């Protein structure tokens, strides 16, 4: 999907990162709740559908890959670049925070036990 050069709006790296920061700390959080909780719910649904464990960090990576796939089709859309940064930032925080790791392990164990019991072949 090529657009004429005059229709493209340049977006600098700082603006992309600043916008992603705004999204993950204020805008999206007020709409969707804490990323840890949202990604936890998503991981539970994906685990049930796939009948295998999906972690919150997996959700961050998979959502980033979704944005990368969209970039392949439309690299001029700044929203995909911004959102990919935001998903990676949330995943990085969850993966490196001692509290989040402990919380994630507990939630993943509960999810695994629940879905393992519900979806035995």
PDB file of N, CA and C in Angstrom:
ATOM      1  N   UNK A   1       0.854  -1.161   0.000  1.00  0.00           N
ATOM      2  CA  UNK A   1       0.000   0.000   0.000  1.00  0.00           C
ATOM      3  C   UNK A   1       0.905   1.231   0.000  1.00  0.00           C
ATOM      4  N   UNK A   2       1.252   1.717  -1.152  1.00  0.00           N
ATOM      5  CA  UNK A   2       2.112   2.885  -1.261  1.00  0.00           C
ATOM      6  C   UNK A   2       1.274   4.149  -1.289  1.00  0.00           C
ATOM      7  N   UNK A   3       1.752   5.150  -0.579  1.00  0.00           N
ATOM      8  CA  UNK A   3       1.096   6.447  -0.577  1.00  0.00           C
ATOM      9  C   UNK A   3       2.056   7.441  -1.209  1.00  0.00           C
ATOM     10  N   UNK A   4       1.525   8.458  -1.874  1.00  0.00           N
ATOM     11  CA  UNK A   4       2.413   9.489  -2.412  1.00  0.00           C
ATOM     12  C   UNK A   4       3.229  10.110  -1.288  1.00  0.00           C
ATOM     13  N   UNK A   5       4.462  10.491  -1.598  1.00  0.00           N
ATOM     14  CA  UNK A   5       5.393  11.018  -0.598  1.00  0.00           C
ATOM     15  C   UNK A   5       4.809  12.176   0.198  1.00  0.00           C
ATOM     16  N   UNK A   6       4.023  13.053  -0.432  1.00  0.00           N
ATOM     17  CA  UNK A   6       3.494  14.206   0.289  1.00  0.00           C
ATOM     18  C   UNK A   6       2.473  13.822   1.356  1.00  0.00           C
ATOM     19  N   UNK A   7       1.909  12.616   1.288  1.00  0.00           N
ATOM     20  CA  UNK A   7       0.941  12.187   2.292  1.00  0.00           C
ATOM     21  C   UNK A   7       1.606  11.572   3.517  1.00  0.00           C
ATOM     22  N   UNK A   8       2.873  11.195   3.430  1.00  0.00           N
ATOM     23  CA  UNK A   8       3.567  10.592   4.561  1.00  0.00           C
ATOM     24  C   UNK A   8       3.922  11.663   5.588  1.00  0.00           C
ATOM     25  N   UNK A   9       3.735  11.331   6.821  1.00  0.00           N
ATOM     26  CA  UNK A   9       4.115  12.219   7.906  1.00  0.00           C
ATOM     27  C   UNK A   9       5.273  11.573   8.641  1.00  0.00           C
ATOM     28  N   UNK A  10       6.391  12.259   8.687  1.00  0.00           N
ATOM     29  CA  UNK A  10       7.552  11.711   9.376  1.00  0.00           C
ATOM     30  C   UNK A  10       7.288  11.645  10.874  1.00  0.00           C
ATOM     31  N   UNK A  11       7.649  10.524  11.454  1.00  0.00           N
ATOM     32  CA  UNK A  11       7.515  10.335  12.894  1.00  0.00           C
ATOM     33  C   UNK A  11       8.881   9.903  13.407  1.00  0.00           C
ATOM     34  N   UNK A  12       9.456  10.685  14.290  1.00  0.00           N
ATOM     35  CA  UNK A  12      10.778  10.383  14.819  1.00  0.00           C
ATOM     36  C   UNK A  12      10.755   9.307  15.876  1.00  0.00           C
ATOM     37  N   UNK A  13      11.926   8.716  16.145  1.00  0.00           N
ATOM     38  CA  UNK A  13      12.013   7.621  17.122  1.00  0.00           C
ATOM     39  C   UNK A  13      11.598   8.073  18.515  1.00  0.00           C
ATOM     40  N   UNK A  14      11.943   9.284  18.883  1.00  0.00           N
ATOM     41  CA  UNK A  14      11.552   9.774  20.209  1.00  0.00           C
ATOM     42  C   UNK A  14      10.036   9.901  20.305  1.00  0.00           C
ATOM     43  N   UNK A  15       9.411  10.378  19.258  1.00  0.00           N
ATOM     44  CA  UNK A  15       7.945  10.499  19.263  1.00  0.00           C
ATOM     45  C   UNK A  15       7.286   9.125  19.340  1.00  0.00           C
ATOM     46  N   UNK A  16       7.830   8.156  18.621  1.00  0.00           N
ATOM     47  CA  UNK A  16       7.285   6.799  18.675  1.00  0.00           C
ATOM     48  C   UNK A  16       7.379   6.260  20.097  1.00  0.00           C
ATOM     49  N   UNK A  17       8.551   6.400  20.719  1.00  0.00           N
ATOM     50  CA  UNK A  17       8.734   5.886  22.074  1.00  0.00           C
ATOM     51  C   UNK A  17       7.910   6.668  23.099  1.00  0.00           C
ATOM     52  N   UNK A  18       7.847   7.983  22.949  1.00  0.00           N
ATOM     53  CA  UNK A  18       7.044   8.796  23.867  1.00  0.00           C
ATOM     54  C   UNK A  18       5.565   8.444  23.768  1.00  0.00           C
ATOM     55  N   UNK A  19       5.085   8.232  22.554  1.00  0.00           N
ATOM     56  CA  UNK A  19       3.679   7.870  22.363  1.00  0.00           C
ATOM     57  C   UNK A  19       3.402   6.491  22.940  1.00  0.00           C
ATOM     58  N   UNK A  20       4.325   5.546  22.707  1.00  0.00           N
ATOM     59  CA  UNK A  20       4.159   4.203  23.279  1.00  0.00           C
ATOM     60  C   UNK A  20       4.128   4.285  24.803  1.00  0.00           C
ATOM     61  N   UNK A  21       5.006   5.124  25.384  1.00  0.00           N
ATOM     62  CA  UNK A  21       5.025   5.296  26.837  1.00  0.00           C
ATOM     63  C   UNK A  21       3.691   5.846  27.331  1.00  0.00           C
ATOM     64  N   UNK A  22       3.167   6.825  26.639  1.00  0.00           N
ATOM     65  CA  UNK A  22       1.862   7.411  26.997  1.00  0.00           C
ATOM     66  C   UNK A  22       0.779   6.336  26.938  1.00  0.00           C
ATOM     67  N   UNK A  23       0.802   5.526  25.884  1.00  0.00           N
ATOM     68  CA  UNK A  23      -0.208   4.483  25.733  1.00  0.00           C
ATOM     69  C   UNK A  23      -0.161   3.467  26.866  1.00  0.00           C
ATOM     70  N   UNK A  24       1.033   2.974  27.196  1.00  0.00           N
ATOM     71  CA  UNK A  24       1.113   1.871  28.163  1.00  0.00           C
ATOM     72  C   UNK A  24       1.063   2.325  29.612  1.00  0.00           C
ATOM     73  N   UNK A  25       1.275   3.614  29.866  1.00  0.00           N
ATOM     74  CA  UNK A  25       1.233   4.077  31.251  1.00  0.00           C
ATOM     75  C   UNK A  25      -0.024   4.861  31.586  1.00  0.00           C
ATOM     76  N   UNK A  26      -0.719   5.375  30.587  1.00  0.00           N
ATOM     77  CA  UNK A  26      -1.903   6.194  30.873  1.00  0.00           C
ATOM     78  C   UNK A  26      -3.088   5.815  29.994  1.00  0.00           C
ATOM     79  N   UNK A  27      -2.989   6.088  28.697  1.00  0.00           N
ATOM     80  CA  UNK A  27      -4.142   5.942  27.814  1.00  0.00           C
ATOM     81  C   UNK A  27      -4.732   4.538  27.826  1.00  0.00           C
ATOM     82  N   UNK A  28      -3.935   3.554  27.440  1.00  0.00           N
ATOM     83  CA  UNK A  28      -4.438   2.186  27.341  1.00  0.00           C
ATOM     84  C   UNK A  28      -4.736   1.604  28.720  1.00  0.00           C
ATOM     85  N   UNK A  29      -3.931   1.970  29.715  1.00  0.00           N
ATOM     86  CA  UNK A  29      -4.142   1.429  31.056  1.00  0.00           C
ATOM     87  C   UNK A  29      -5.490   1.883  31.603  1.00  0.00           C
ATOM     88  N   UNK A  30      -5.878   3.117  31.321  1.00  0.00           N
ATOM     89  CA  UNK A  30      -7.170   3.580  31.823  1.00  0.00           C
ATOM     90  C   UNK A  30      -8.324   2.900  31.088  1.00  0.00           C
ATOM     91  N   UNK A  31      -8.092   2.474  29.864  1.00  0.00           N
ATOM     92  CA  UNK A  31      -9.123   1.798  29.080  1.00  0.00           C
ATOM     93  C   UNK A  31      -9.160   0.298  29.332  1.00  0.00           C
ATOM     94  N   UNK A  32      -7.978  -0.336  29.348  1.00  0.00           N
ATOM     95  CA  UNK A  32      -7.898  -1.800  29.399  1.00  0.00           C
ATOM     96  C   UNK A  32      -7.412  -2.358  30.733  1.00  0.00           C
ATOM     97  N   UNK A  33      -7.029  -1.502  31.658  1.00  0.00           N
ATOM     98  CA  UNK A  33      -6.499  -1.973  32.937  1.00  0.00           C
ATOM     99  C   UNK A  33      -5.001  -2.209  32.862  1.00  0.00           C
ATOM    100  N   UNK A  34      -4.460  -2.726  33.973  1.00  0.00           N
ATOM    101  CA  UNK A  34      -3.022  -2.980  34.035  1.00  0.00           C
ATOM    102  C   UNK A  34      -2.635  -4.034  32.993  1.00  0.00           C
ATOM    103  N   UNK A  35      -1.509  -3.832  32.300  1.00  0.00           N
ATOM    104  CA  UNK A  35      -1.087  -4.815  31.302  1.00  0.00           C
ATOM    105  C   UNK A  35      -0.935  -6.217  31.888  1.00  0.00           C
ATOM    106  N   UNK A  36      -0.435  -6.314  33.123  1.00  0.00           N
ATOM    107  CA  UNK A  36      -0.266  -7.627  33.734  1.00  0.00           C
ATOM    108  C   UNK A  36      -1.595  -8.373  33.807  1.00  0.00           C
ATOM    109  N   UNK A  37      -2.652  -7.654  34.178  1.00  0.00           N
ATOM    110  CA  UNK A  37      -3.975  -8.277  34.273  1.00  0.00           C
ATOM    111  C   UNK A  37      -4.541  -8.603  32.899  1.00  0.00           C
ATOM    112  N   UNK A  38      -4.429  -7.665  31.985  1.00  0.00           N
ATOM    113  CA  UNK A  38      -4.943  -7.861  30.635  1.00  0.00           C
ATOM    114  C   UNK A  38      -4.230  -9.013  29.930  1.00  0.00           C
ATOM    115  N   UNK A  39      -2.901  -9.021  30.002  1.00  0.00           N
ATOM    116  CA  UNK A  39      -2.136 -10.090  29.363  1.00  0.00           C
ATOM    117  C   UNK A  39      -2.425 -11.426  30.037  1.00  0.00           C
ATOM    118  N   UNK A  40      -2.672 -11.400  31.356  1.00  0.00           N
ATOM    119  CA  UNK A  40      -3.033 -12.622  32.068  1.00  0.00           C
ATOM    120  C   UNK A  40      -4.340 -13.204  31.559  1.00  0.00           C
ATOM    121  N   UNK A  41      -5.349 -12.334  31.367  1.00  0.00           N
ATOM    122  CA  UNK A  41      -6.637 -12.805  30.822  1.00  0.00           C
ATOM    123  C   UNK A  41      -6.456 -13.353  29.409  1.00  0.00           C
ATOM    124  N   UNK A  42      -5.698 -12.637  28.598  1.00  0.00           N
ATOM    125  CA  UNK A  42      -5.455 -13.091  27.220  1.00  0.00           C
ATOM    126  C   UNK A  42      -4.766 -14.450  27.243  1.00  0.00           C
ATOM    127  N   UNK A  43      -3.765 -14.609  28.127  1.00  0.00           N
ATOM    128  CA  UNK A  43      -3.038 -15.886  28.184  1.00  0.00           C
ATOM    129  C   UNK A  43      -3.973 -17.029  28.571  1.00  0.00           C
ATOM    130  N   UNK A  44      -4.936 -16.758  29.445  1.00  0.00           N
ATOM    131  CA  UNK A  44      -5.886 -17.800  29.831  1.00  0.00           C
ATOM    132  C   UNK A  44      -6.765 -18.215  28.650  1.00  0.00           C
ATOM    133  N   UNK A  45      -7.263 -17.250  27.905  1.00  0.00           N
ATOM    134  CA  UNK A  45      -8.087 -17.573  26.727  1.00  0.00           C
ATOM    135  C   UNK A  45      -7.271 -18.309  25.672  1.00  0.00           C
ATOM    136  N   UNK A  46      -6.062 -17.826  25.420  1.00  0.00           N
ATOM    137  CA  UNK A  46      -5.221 -18.488  24.420  1.00  0.00           C
ATOM    138  C   UNK A  46      -4.837 -19.888  24.869  1.00  0.00           C
ATOM    139  N   UNK A  47      -4.569 -20.050  26.164  1.00  0.00           N
ATOM    140  CA  UNK A  47      -4.234 -21.380  26.684  1.00  0.00           C
ATOM    141  C   UNK A  47      -5.399 -22.343  26.477  1.00  0.00           C
ATOM    142  N   UNK A  48      -6.593 -21.864  26.752  1.00  0.00           N
ATOM    143  CA  UNK A  48      -7.784 -22.711  26.576  1.00  0.00           C
ATOM    144  C   UNK A  48      -7.960 -23.077  25.107  1.00  0.00           C
ATOM    145  N   UNK A  49      -7.809 -22.115  24.231  1.00  0.00           N
ATOM    146  CA  UNK A  49      -7.996 -22.370  22.806  1.00  0.00           C
ATOM    147  C   UNK A  49      -6.930 -23.302  22.246  1.00  0.00           C
ATOM    148  N   UNK A  50      -5.687 -23.080  22.642  1.00  0.00           N
ATOM    149  CA  UNK A  50      -4.573 -23.865  22.112  1.00  0.00           C
ATOM    150  C   UNK A  50      -4.339 -25.171  22.876  1.00  0.00           C
ATOM    151  N   UNK A  51      -4.996 -25.281  24.043  1.00  0.00           N
ATOM    152  CA  UNK A  51      -4.826 -26.441  24.917  1.00  0.00           C
ATOM    153  C   UNK A  51      -3.364 -26.637  25.286  1.00  0.00           C
ATOM    154  N   UNK A  52      -2.685 -25.533  25.552  1.00  0.00           N
ATOM    155  CA  UNK A  52      -1.312 -25.525  26.033  1.00  0.00           C
ATOM    156  C   UNK A  52      -1.086 -24.231  26.775  1.00  0.00           C
ATOM    157  N   UNK A  53      -0.104 -24.223  27.632  1.00  0.00           N
ATOM    158  CA  UNK A  53       0.172 -23.042  28.445  1.00  0.00           C
ATOM    159  C   UNK A  53       0.702 -21.894  27.578  1.00  0.00           C
ATOM    160  N   UNK A  54       0.136 -20.720  27.788  1.00  0.00           N
ATOM    161  CA  UNK A  54       0.604 -19.480  27.173  1.00  0.00           C
ATOM    162  C   UNK A  54       0.810 -18.494  28.318  1.00  0.00           C
ATOM    163  N   UNK A  55       2.005 -17.916  28.414  1.00  0.00           N
ATOM    164  CA  UNK A  55       2.310 -16.999  29.509  1.00  0.00           C
ATOM    165  C   UNK A  55       2.004 -15.557  29.124  1.00  0.00           C
ATOM    166  N   UNK A  56       2.038 -14.679  30.104  1.00  0.00           N
ATOM    167  CA  UNK A  56       1.856 -13.256  29.837  1.00  0.00           C
ATOM    168  C   UNK A  56       2.956 -12.737  28.918  1.00  0.00           C
ATOM    169  N   UNK A  57       4.172 -13.225  29.131  1.00  0.00           N
ATOM    170  CA  UNK A  57       5.265 -12.803  28.264  1.00  0.00           C
ATOM    171  C   UNK A  57       5.050 -13.304  26.841  1.00  0.00           C
ATOM    172  N   UNK A  58       4.489 -14.512  26.684  1.00  0.00           N
ATOM    173  CA  UNK A  58       4.139 -15.007  25.352  1.00  0.00           C
ATOM    174  C   UNK A  58       3.147 -14.066  24.681  1.00  0.00           C
ATOM    175  N   UNK A  59       2.189 -13.579  25.458  1.00  0.00           N
ATOM    176  CA  UNK A  59       1.198 -12.650  24.912  1.00  0.00           C
ATOM    177  C   UNK A  59       1.887 -11.397  24.401  1.00  0.00           C
ATOM    178  N   UNK A  60       2.820 -10.851  25.169  1.00  0.00           N
ATOM    179  CA  UNK A  60       3.539  -9.647  24.740  1.00  0.00           C
ATOM    180  C   UNK A  60       4.278  -9.898  23.428  1.00  0.00           C
ATOM    181  N   UNK A  61       4.944 -11.044  23.333  1.00  0.00           N
ATOM    182  CA  UNK A  61       5.686 -11.374  22.108  1.00  0.00           C
ATOM    183  C   UNK A  61       4.727 -11.573  20.939  1.00  0.00           C
ATOM    184  N   UNK A  62       3.650 -12.316  21.165  1.00  0.00           N
ATOM    185  CA  UNK A  62       2.715 -12.607  20.066  1.00  0.00           C
ATOM    186  C   UNK A  62       2.004 -11.345  19.582  1.00  0.00           C
ATOM    187  N   UNK A  63       1.650 -10.454  20.508  1.00  0.00           N
ATOM    188  CA  UNK A  63       1.023  -9.201  20.088  1.00  0.00           C
ATOM    189  C   UNK A  63       2.019  -8.334  19.317  1.00  0.00           C
ATOM    190  N   UNK A  64       3.292  -8.381  19.725  1.00  0.00           N
ATOM    191  CA  UNK A  64       4.320  -7.664  18.974  1.00  0.00           C
ATOM    192  C   UNK A  64       4.438  -8.237  17.571  1.00  0.00           C
ATOM    193  N   UNK A  65       4.426  -9.561  17.470  1.00  0.00           N
ATOM    194  CA  UNK A  65       4.508 -10.197  16.146  1.00  0.00           C
ATOM    195  C   UNK A  65       3.304  -9.845  15.276  1.00  0.00           C
ATOM    196  N   UNK A  66       2.135  -9.700  15.893  1.00  0.00           N
ATOM    197  CA  UNK A  66       0.963  -9.251  15.144  1.00  0.00           C
ATOM    198  C   UNK A  66       1.229  -7.880  14.529  1.00  0.00           C
ATOM    199  N   UNK A  67       1.802  -6.986  15.323  1.00  0.00           N
ATOM    200  CA  UNK A  67       2.104  -5.645  14.824  1.00  0.00           C
ATOM    201  C   UNK A  67       3.174  -5.692  13.741  1.00  0.00           C
ATOM    202  N   UNK A  68       4.143  -6.587  13.882  1.00  0.00           N
ATOM    203  CA  UNK A  68       5.177  -6.738  12.856  1.00  0.00           C
ATOM    204  C   UNK A  68       4.561  -7.240  11.557  1.00  0.00           C
ATOM    205  N   UNK A  69       3.626  -8.164  11.657  1.00  0.00           N
ATOM    206  CA  UNK A  69       2.936  -8.644  10.451  1.00  0.00           C
ATOM    207  C   UNK A  69       2.163  -7.510   9.785  1.00  0.00           C
ATOM    208  N   UNK A  70       1.547  -6.664  10.586  1.00  0.00           N
ATOM    209  CA  UNK A  70       0.832  -5.515  10.020  1.00  0.00           C
ATOM    210  C   UNK A  70       1.799  -4.530   9.382  1.00  0.00           C
ATOM    211  N   UNK A  71       2.997  -4.403   9.971  1.00  0.00           N
ATOM    212  CA  UNK A  71       4.014  -3.522   9.388  1.00  0.00           C
ATOM    213  C   UNK A  71       4.455  -4.031   8.026  1.00  0.00           C
ATOM    214  N   UNK A  72       4.465  -5.338   7.860  1.00  0.00           N
ATOM    215  CA  UNK A  72       4.836  -5.916   6.577  1.00  0.00           C
ATOM    216  C   UNK A  72       3.875  -5.450   5.487  1.00  0.00           C
ATOM    217  N   UNK A  73       2.599  -5.320   5.843  1.00  0.00           N
ATOM    218  CA  UNK A  73       1.591  -4.877   4.885  1.00  0.00           C
ATOM    219  C   UNK A  73       1.531  -3.359   4.754  1.00  0.00           C
ATOM    220  N   UNK A  74       1.850  -2.647   5.843  1.00  0.00           N
ATOM    221  CA  UNK A  74       1.718  -1.191   5.820  1.00  0.00           C
ATOM    222  C   UNK A  74       2.774  -0.549   6.723  1.00  0.00           C
ATOM    223  N   UNK A  75       4.022  -0.466   6.257  1.00  0.00           N
ATOM    224  CA  UNK A  75       5.090   0.072   7.101  1.00  0.00           C
ATOM    225  C   UNK A  75       4.962   1.566   7.389  1.00  0.00           C
ATOM    226  N   UNK A  76       4.114   2.261   6.657  1.00  0.00           N
ATOM    227  CA  UNK A  76       3.950   3.701   6.865  1.00  0.00           C
ATOM    228  C   UNK A  76       3.037   4.043   8.031  1.00  0.00           C
ATOM    229  N   UNK A  77       2.329   3.061   8.578  1.00  0.00           N
ATOM    230  CA  UNK A  77       1.390   3.330   9.660  1.00  0.00           C
ATOM    231  C   UNK A  77       2.145   3.417  10.986  1.00  0.00           C
ATOM    232  N   UNK A  78       2.266   4.615  11.554  1.00  0.00           N
ATOM    233  CA  UNK A  78       3.032   4.752  12.801  1.00  0.00           C
ATOM    234  C   UNK A  78       2.416   4.011  13.984  1.00  0.00           C
ATOM    235  N   UNK A  79       1.104   3.783  13.969  1.00  0.00           N
ATOM    236  CA  UNK A  79       0.456   3.082  15.083  1.00  0.00           C
ATOM    237  C   UNK A  79       1.047   1.689  15.306  1.00  0.00           C
ATOM    238  N   UNK A  80       1.379   0.993  14.224  1.00  0.00           N
ATOM    239  CA  UNK A  80       1.950  -0.346  14.370  1.00  0.00           C
ATOM    240  C   UNK A  80       3.328  -0.306  15.016  1.00  0.00           C
ATOM    241  N   UNK A  81       4.140   0.682  14.670  1.00  0.00           N
ATOM    242  CA  UNK A  81       5.455   0.849  15.285  1.00  0.00           C
ATOM    243  C   UNK A  81       5.301   1.182  16.771  1.00  0.00           C
ATOM    244  N   UNK A  82       4.391   2.093  17.060  1.00  0.00           N
ATOM    245  CA  UNK A  82       4.156   2.522  18.446  1.00  0.00           C
ATOM    246  C   UNK A  82       3.646   1.359  19.289  1.00  0.00           C
ATOM    247  N   UNK A  83       2.636   0.665  18.783  1.00  0.00           N
ATOM    248  CA  UNK A  83       2.047  -0.438  19.542  1.00  0.00           C
ATOM    249  C   UNK A  83       3.061  -1.558  19.779  1.00  0.00           C
ATOM    250  N   UNK A  84       3.893  -1.861  18.776  1.00  0.00           N
ATOM    251  CA  UNK A  84       4.915  -2.900  18.944  1.00  0.00           C
ATOM    252  C   UNK A  84       5.870  -2.522  20.073  1.00  0.00           C
ATOM    253  N   UNK A  85       6.285  -1.269  20.121  1.00  0.00           N
ATOM    254  CA  UNK A  85       7.151  -0.804  21.224  1.00  0.00           C
ATOM    255  C   UNK A  85       6.452  -0.959  22.563  1.00  0.00           C
ATOM    256  N   UNK A  86       5.187  -0.621  22.596  1.00  0.00           N
ATOM    257  CA  UNK A  86       4.426  -0.728  23.840  1.00  0.00           C
ATOM    258  C   UNK A  86       4.307  -2.162  24.328  1.00  0.00           C
ATOM    259  N   UNK A  87       4.004  -3.091  23.416  1.00  0.00           N
ATOM    260  CA  UNK A  87       3.906  -4.500  23.809  1.00  0.00           C
ATOM    261  C   UNK A  87       5.244  -5.017  24.324  1.00  0.00           C
ATOM    262  N   UNK A  88       6.334  -4.646  23.660  1.00  0.00           N
ATOM    263  CA  UNK A  88       7.646  -5.092  24.112  1.00  0.00           C
ATOM    264  C   UNK A  88       8.000  -4.494  25.471  1.00  0.00           C
ATOM    265  N   UNK A  89       7.645  -3.234  25.687  1.00  0.00           N
ATOM    266  CA  UNK A  89       7.923  -2.604  26.977  1.00  0.00           C
ATOM    267  C   UNK A  89       7.157  -3.311  28.097  1.00  0.00           C
ATOM    268  N   UNK A  90       5.895  -3.623  27.863  1.00  0.00           N
ATOM    269  CA  UNK A  90       5.104  -4.342  28.876  1.00  0.00           C
ATOM    270  C   UNK A  90       5.689  -5.726  29.137  1.00  0.00           C
ATOM    271  N   UNK A  91       6.037  -6.425  28.075  1.00  0.00           N
ATOM    272  CA  UNK A  91       6.627  -7.756  28.230  1.00  0.00           C
ATOM    273  C   UNK A  91       7.949  -7.698  28.970  1.00  0.00           C
ATOM    274  N   UNK A  92       8.767  -6.718  28.643  1.00  0.00           N
ATOM    275  CA  UNK A  92      10.053  -6.566  29.316  1.00  0.00           C
ATOM    276  C   UNK A  92       9.884  -6.291  30.798  1.00  0.00           C
ATOM    277  N   UNK A  93       8.923  -5.447  31.130  1.00  0.00           N
ATOM    278  CA  UNK A  93       8.665  -5.158  32.540  1.00  0.00           C
ATOM    279  C   UNK A  93       8.199  -6.408  33.275  1.00  0.00           C
ATOM    280  N   UNK A  94       7.285  -7.149  32.663  1.00  0.00           N
ATOM    281  CA  UNK A  94       6.777  -8.351  33.314  1.00  0.00           C
ATOM    282  C   UNK A  94       7.868  -9.406  33.459  1.00  0.00           C
ATOM    283  N   UNK A  95       8.737  -9.506  32.481  1.00  0.00           N
ATOM    284  CA  UNK A  95       9.781 -10.529  32.511  1.00  0.00           C
ATOM    285  C   UNK A  95      10.893 -10.207  33.496  1.00  0.00           C
ATOM    286  N   UNK A  96      11.093  -8.937  33.810  1.00  0.00           N
ATOM    287  CA  UNK A  96      12.234  -8.562  34.639  1.00  0.00           C
ATOM    288  C   UNK A  96      11.877  -8.102  36.042  1.00  0.00           C
ATOM    289  N   UNK A  97      10.620  -7.885  36.327  1.00  0.00           N
ATOM    290  CA  UNK A  97      10.198  -7.450  37.657  1.00  0.00           C
ATOM    291  C   UNK A  97      10.072  -8.657  38.578  1.00  0.00           C
ATOM    292  N   UNK A  98      10.798  -8.672  39.702  1.00  0.00           N
ATOM    293  CA  UNK A  98      10.693  -9.817  40.624  1.00  0.00           C
ATOM    294  C   UNK A  98       9.251 -10.061  41.072  1.00  0.00           C
ATOM    295  N   UNK A  99       8.502  -8.994  41.378  1.00  0.00           N
ATOM    296  CA  UNK A  99       7.113  -9.158  41.795  1.00  0.00           C
ATOM    297  C   UNK A  99       6.279  -9.725  40.659  1.00  0.00           C
ATOM    298  N   UNK A 100       6.480  -9.185  39.468  1.00  0.00           N
ATOM    299  CA  UNK A 100       5.700  -9.648  38.319  1.00  0.00           C
ATOM    300  C   UNK A 100       6.029 -11.090  37.978  1.00  0.00           C
ATOM    301  N   UNK A 101       7.299 -11.477  38.098  1.00  0.00           N
ATOM    302  CA  UNK A 101       7.678 -12.857  37.811  1.00  0.00           C
ATOM    303  C   UNK A 101       6.999 -13.794  38.792  1.00  0.00           C
ATOM    304  N   UNK A 102       7.028 -13.446  40.079  1.00  0.00           N
ATOM    305  CA  UNK A 102       6.378 -14.277  41.095  1.00  0.00           C
ATOM    306  C   UNK A 102       4.876 -14.357  40.843  1.00  0.00           C
ATOM    307  N   UNK A 103       4.265 -13.222  40.555  1.00  0.00           N
ATOM    308  CA  UNK A 103       2.831 -13.160  40.281  1.00  0.00           C
ATOM    309  C   UNK A 103       2.490 -13.961  39.021  1.00  0.00           C
ATOM    310  N   UNK A 104       3.315 -13.828  38.004  1.00  0.00           N
ATOM    311  CA  UNK A 104       3.092 -14.536  36.742  1.00  0.00           C
ATOM    312  C   UNK A 104       3.201 -16.036  36.939  1.00  0.00           C
ATOM    313  N   UNK A 105       4.218 -16.479  37.679  1.00  0.00           N
ATOM    314  CA  UNK A 105       4.381 -17.914  37.903  1.00  0.00           C
ATOM    315  C   UNK A 105       3.180 -18.493  38.633  1.00  0.00           C
ATOM    316  N   UNK A 106       2.679 -17.775  39.636  1.00  0.00           N
ATOM    317  CA  UNK A 106       1.519 -18.242  40.383  1.00  0.00           C
ATOM    318  C   UNK A 106       0.285 -18.309  39.479  1.00  0.00           C
ATOM    319  N   UNK A 107       0.056 -17.269  38.699  1.00  0.00           N
ATOM    320  CA  UNK A 107      -1.100 -17.236  37.798  1.00  0.00           C
ATOM    321  C   UNK A 107      -0.980 -18.302  36.713  1.00  0.00           C
ATOM    322  N   UNK A 108       0.222 -18.482  36.199  1.00  0.00           N
ATOM    323  CA  UNK A 108       0.414 -19.491  35.154  1.00  0.00           C
ATOM    324  C   UNK A 108       0.168 -20.894  35.695  1.00  0.00           C
ATOM    325  N   UNK A 109       0.606 -21.138  36.936  1.00  0.00           N
ATOM    326  CA  UNK A 109       0.377 -22.446  37.538  1.00  0.00           C
ATOM    327  C   UNK A 109      -1.111 -22.693  37.728  1.00  0.00           C
ATOM    328  N   UNK A 110      -1.840 -21.666  38.221  1.00  0.00           N
ATOM    329  CA  UNK A 110      -3.300 -21.797  38.362  1.00  0.00           C
ATOM    330  C   UNK A 110      -3.935 -22.052  37.007  1.00  0.00           C
ATOM    331  N   UNK A 111      -3.531 -21.283  35.997  1.00  0.00           N
ATOM    332  CA  UNK A 111      -4.085 -21.440  34.649  1.00  0.00           C
ATOM    333  C   UNK A 111      -3.793 -22.824  34.107  1.00  0.00           C
ATOM    334  N   UNK A 112      -2.559 -23.271  34.267  1.00  0.00           N
ATOM    335  CA  UNK A 112      -2.169 -24.577  33.757  1.00  0.00           C
ATOM    336  C   UNK A 112      -2.998 -25.678  34.407  1.00  0.00           C
ATOM    337  N   UNK A 113      -3.123 -25.617  35.750  1.00  0.00           N
ATOM    338  CA  UNK A 113      -3.912 -26.634  36.450  1.00  0.00           C
ATOM    339  C   UNK A 113      -5.362 -26.615  36.005  1.00  0.00           C
ATOM    340  N   UNK A 114      -5.948 -25.424  35.913  1.00  0.00           N
ATOM    341  CA  UNK A 114      -7.354 -25.288  35.528  1.00  0.00           C
ATOM    342  C   UNK A 114      -7.599 -25.846  34.127  1.00  0.00           C
ATOM    343  N   UNK A 115      -6.799 -25.386  33.181  1.00  0.00           N
ATOM    344  CA  UNK A 115      -7.030 -25.798  31.797  1.00  0.00           C
ATOM    345  C   UNK A 115      -6.590 -27.231  31.545  1.00  0.00           C
ATOM    346  N   UNK A 116      -5.592 -27.686  32.278  1.00  0.00           N
ATOM    347  CA  UNK A 116      -5.171 -29.056  32.143  1.00  0.00           C
ATOM    348  C   UNK A 116      -6.286 -29.993  32.609  1.00  0.00           C
ATOM    349  N   UNK A 117      -6.949 -29.637  33.686  1.00  0.00           N
ATOM    350  CA  UNK A 117      -8.053 -30.450  34.192  1.00  0.00           C
ATOM    351  C   UNK A 117      -9.284 -30.374  33.288  1.00  0.00           C
ATOM    352  N   UNK A 118      -9.511 -29.224  32.666  1.00  0.00           N
ATOM    353  CA  UNK A 118     -10.694 -29.047  31.823  1.00  0.00           C
ATOM    354  C   UNK A 118     -10.533 -29.619  30.421  1.00  0.00           C
ATOM    355  N   UNK A 119      -9.310 -29.781  29.961  1.00  0.00           N
ATOM    356  CA  UNK A 119      -9.092 -30.144  28.568  1.00  0.00           C
ATOM    357  C   UNK A 119      -8.268 -31.415  28.415  1.00  0.00           C
ATOM    358  N   UNK A 120      -8.434 -32.331  29.337  1.00  0.00           N
ATOM    359  CA  UNK A 120      -7.736 -33.613  29.197  1.00  0.00           C
ATOM    360  C   UNK A 120      -8.354 -34.366  28.033  1.00  0.00           C
ATOM    361  N   UNK A 121      -7.481 -34.965  27.240  1.00  0.00           N
ATOM    362  CA  UNK A 121      -7.969 -35.756  26.080  1.00  0.00           C
ATOM    363  C   UNK A 121      -8.408 -37.131  26.495  1.00  0.00           C
TER     364      UNK A 121
END
